[in-house]
Amino acid sequence: MEHSSGGFGKAQELCIDPVKDQTSVDKLGDVLHWLRQATALLCGVVWGVIPLTGAIWLLFFLVLSTGVVFGYYSLILKVDEEEFGGHGSLLQEGLFASVTLFLLAWILVYSLIHF
């Protein structure tokens, strides 16, 4: 197993280089997962600070998060989604964990600031 001290450099390299081999499939999944987690945390904090309430904002987060992931792999990386199991497989990467993180951050920030 290779260990490197520059984790951010690896992520930045994945953002620039096109995906080519099986290890890249795994790396792309990891990058999409963490991209979705970062989006979830950011949105959860923003939603809690503003304060937003209601299920419509959960749906808005799902659409926004999916749009960010789709835009990243299709517009920025320009990967052929069929090589990675199709759109469904790529769009599912980290979805349920991100919903949990989003709800946790949203509820926690909202409760701490407004109550």
Protein backbone atom coordinates (compact mmCIF):
# COMPACT_ATOMS: atom_id res chain seq x y z
CA MET A 1 0.00 0.00 0.00
CA GLU A 2 1.38 3.36 -0.99
CA HIS A 3 1.33 6.14 1.57
CA SER A 4 1.75 9.74 0.60
CA SER A 5 1.72 12.78 2.82
CA GLY A 6 0.06 14.97 0.19
CA GLY A 7 -3.55 13.83 0.26
CA PHE A 8 -4.76 17.09 -1.19
CA GLY A 9 -2.27 16.78 -4.05
CA LYS A 10 -3.75 13.39 -4.94
CA ALA A 11 -7.28 14.80 -4.95
CA GLN A 12 -6.13 17.73 -7.06
CA GLU A 13 -4.44 15.31 -9.47
CA LEU A 14 -7.70 13.37 -9.79
CA CYS A 15 -9.56 16.59 -10.51
CA ILE A 16 -7.32 17.34 -13.47
CA ASP A 17 -6.41 13.95 -14.95
CA PRO A 18 -8.98 11.89 -16.82
CA VAL A 19 -9.88 8.54 -15.33
CA LYS A 20 -8.39 5.53 -17.12
CA ASP A 21 -7.87 2.28 -15.17
CA GLN A 22 -9.59 0.16 -12.47
CA THR A 23 -7.85 1.93 -9.61
CA SER A 24 -9.07 5.18 -11.14
CA VAL A 25 -12.62 3.84 -10.95
CA ASP A 26 -12.18 3.44 -7.21
CA LYS A 27 -10.51 6.83 -6.94
CA LEU A 28 -13.30 8.49 -8.88
CA GLY A 29 -15.81 6.94 -6.49
CA ASP A 30 -13.83 8.28 -3.54
CA VAL A 31 -13.60 11.76 -5.02
CA LEU A 32 -17.33 11.84 -5.79
CA HIS A 33 -18.10 10.57 -2.28
CA TRP A 34 -16.04 13.28 -0.60
CA LEU A 35 -17.28 15.97 -2.96
CA ARG A 36 -20.82 15.08 -1.95
CA GLN A 37 -19.85 15.07 1.77
CA ALA A 38 -18.31 18.55 1.47
CA THR A 39 -21.44 19.79 -0.27
CA ALA A 40 -23.59 18.25 2.48
CA LEU A 41 -21.62 19.87 5.28
CA LEU A 42 -21.58 23.27 3.60
CA CYS A 43 -25.30 23.20 2.81
CA GLY A 44 -26.19 21.91 6.29
CA VAL A 45 -24.34 24.76 7.96
CA VAL A 46 -25.77 27.39 5.59
CA TRP A 47 -29.32 26.05 5.93
CA GLY A 48 -28.97 26.10 9.73
CA VAL A 49 -27.57 29.63 9.90
CA ILE A 50 -30.13 31.23 7.55
CA PRO A 51 -32.55 29.50 9.16
CA LEU A 52 -34.39 27.38 6.67
CA THR A 53 -37.04 24.85 7.64
CA GLY A 54 -39.15 22.37 5.76
CA ALA A 55 -38.86 19.35 3.53
CA ILE A 56 -38.51 21.46 0.39
CA TRP A 57 -34.98 22.41 1.49
CA LEU A 58 -34.06 18.75 1.89
CA LEU A 59 -35.23 18.15 -1.67
CA PHE A 60 -33.32 21.23 -2.81
CA PHE A 61 -30.16 19.83 -1.19
CA LEU A 62 -30.64 16.50 -2.98
CA VAL A 63 -31.01 18.24 -6.33
CA LEU A 64 -28.05 20.54 -5.67
CA SER A 65 -25.80 17.72 -4.45
CA THR A 66 -26.68 15.52 -7.40
CA GLY A 67 -26.11 18.42 -9.78
CA VAL A 68 -22.67 19.10 -8.30
CA VAL A 69 -21.62 15.46 -8.66
CA PHE A 70 -23.08 15.17 -12.17
CA GLY A 71 -21.44 18.40 -13.28
CA TYR A 72 -18.11 17.34 -11.87
CA TYR A 73 -17.83 13.98 -13.58
CA SER A 74 -19.56 14.89 -16.83
CA LEU A 75 -18.54 18.50 -17.47
CA ILE A 76 -15.19 18.81 -15.70
CA LEU A 77 -13.74 15.29 -15.98
CA LYS A 78 -15.68 14.39 -19.14
CA VAL A 79 -15.67 10.69 -18.26
CA ASP A 80 -17.67 8.08 -20.12
CA GLU A 81 -20.21 7.09 -17.47
CA GLU A 82 -20.77 3.68 -19.07
CA GLU A 83 -17.21 2.70 -18.10
CA PHE A 84 -18.16 3.27 -14.47
CA GLY A 85 -21.55 1.56 -14.33
CA GLY A 86 -23.71 4.34 -15.72
CA HIS A 87 -25.14 7.53 -14.29
CA GLY A 88 -27.01 5.71 -11.53
CA SER A 89 -23.86 4.20 -10.08
CA LEU A 90 -21.93 7.46 -10.16
CA LEU A 91 -24.78 9.56 -8.81
CA GLN A 92 -25.33 7.15 -5.91
CA GLU A 93 -21.76 7.50 -4.66
CA GLY A 94 -21.97 8.80 -1.08
CA LEU A 95 -25.64 9.76 -1.35
CA PHE A 96 -26.98 8.25 1.86
CA ALA A 97 -24.00 9.31 3.96
CA SER A 98 -24.30 12.85 2.63
CA VAL A 99 -28.01 13.05 3.48
CA THR A 100 -27.17 11.97 7.02
CA LEU A 101 -24.34 14.50 7.33
CA PHE A 102 -26.51 17.24 5.83
CA LEU A 103 -29.36 16.60 8.27
CA LEU A 104 -26.98 16.39 11.23
CA ALA A 105 -25.27 19.67 10.37
CA TRP A 106 -28.54 21.43 9.55
CA ILE A 107 -30.31 20.38 12.75
CA LEU A 108 -27.28 20.96 14.96
CA VAL A 109 -26.47 24.42 13.63
CA TYR A 110 -30.13 25.47 13.57
CA SER A 111 -30.67 24.30 17.16
CA LEU A 112 -27.49 25.86 18.50
CA ILE A 113 -28.06 29.25 16.91
CA HIS A 114 -31.82 29.73 17.06
CA PHE A 115 -32.77 28.07 20.36
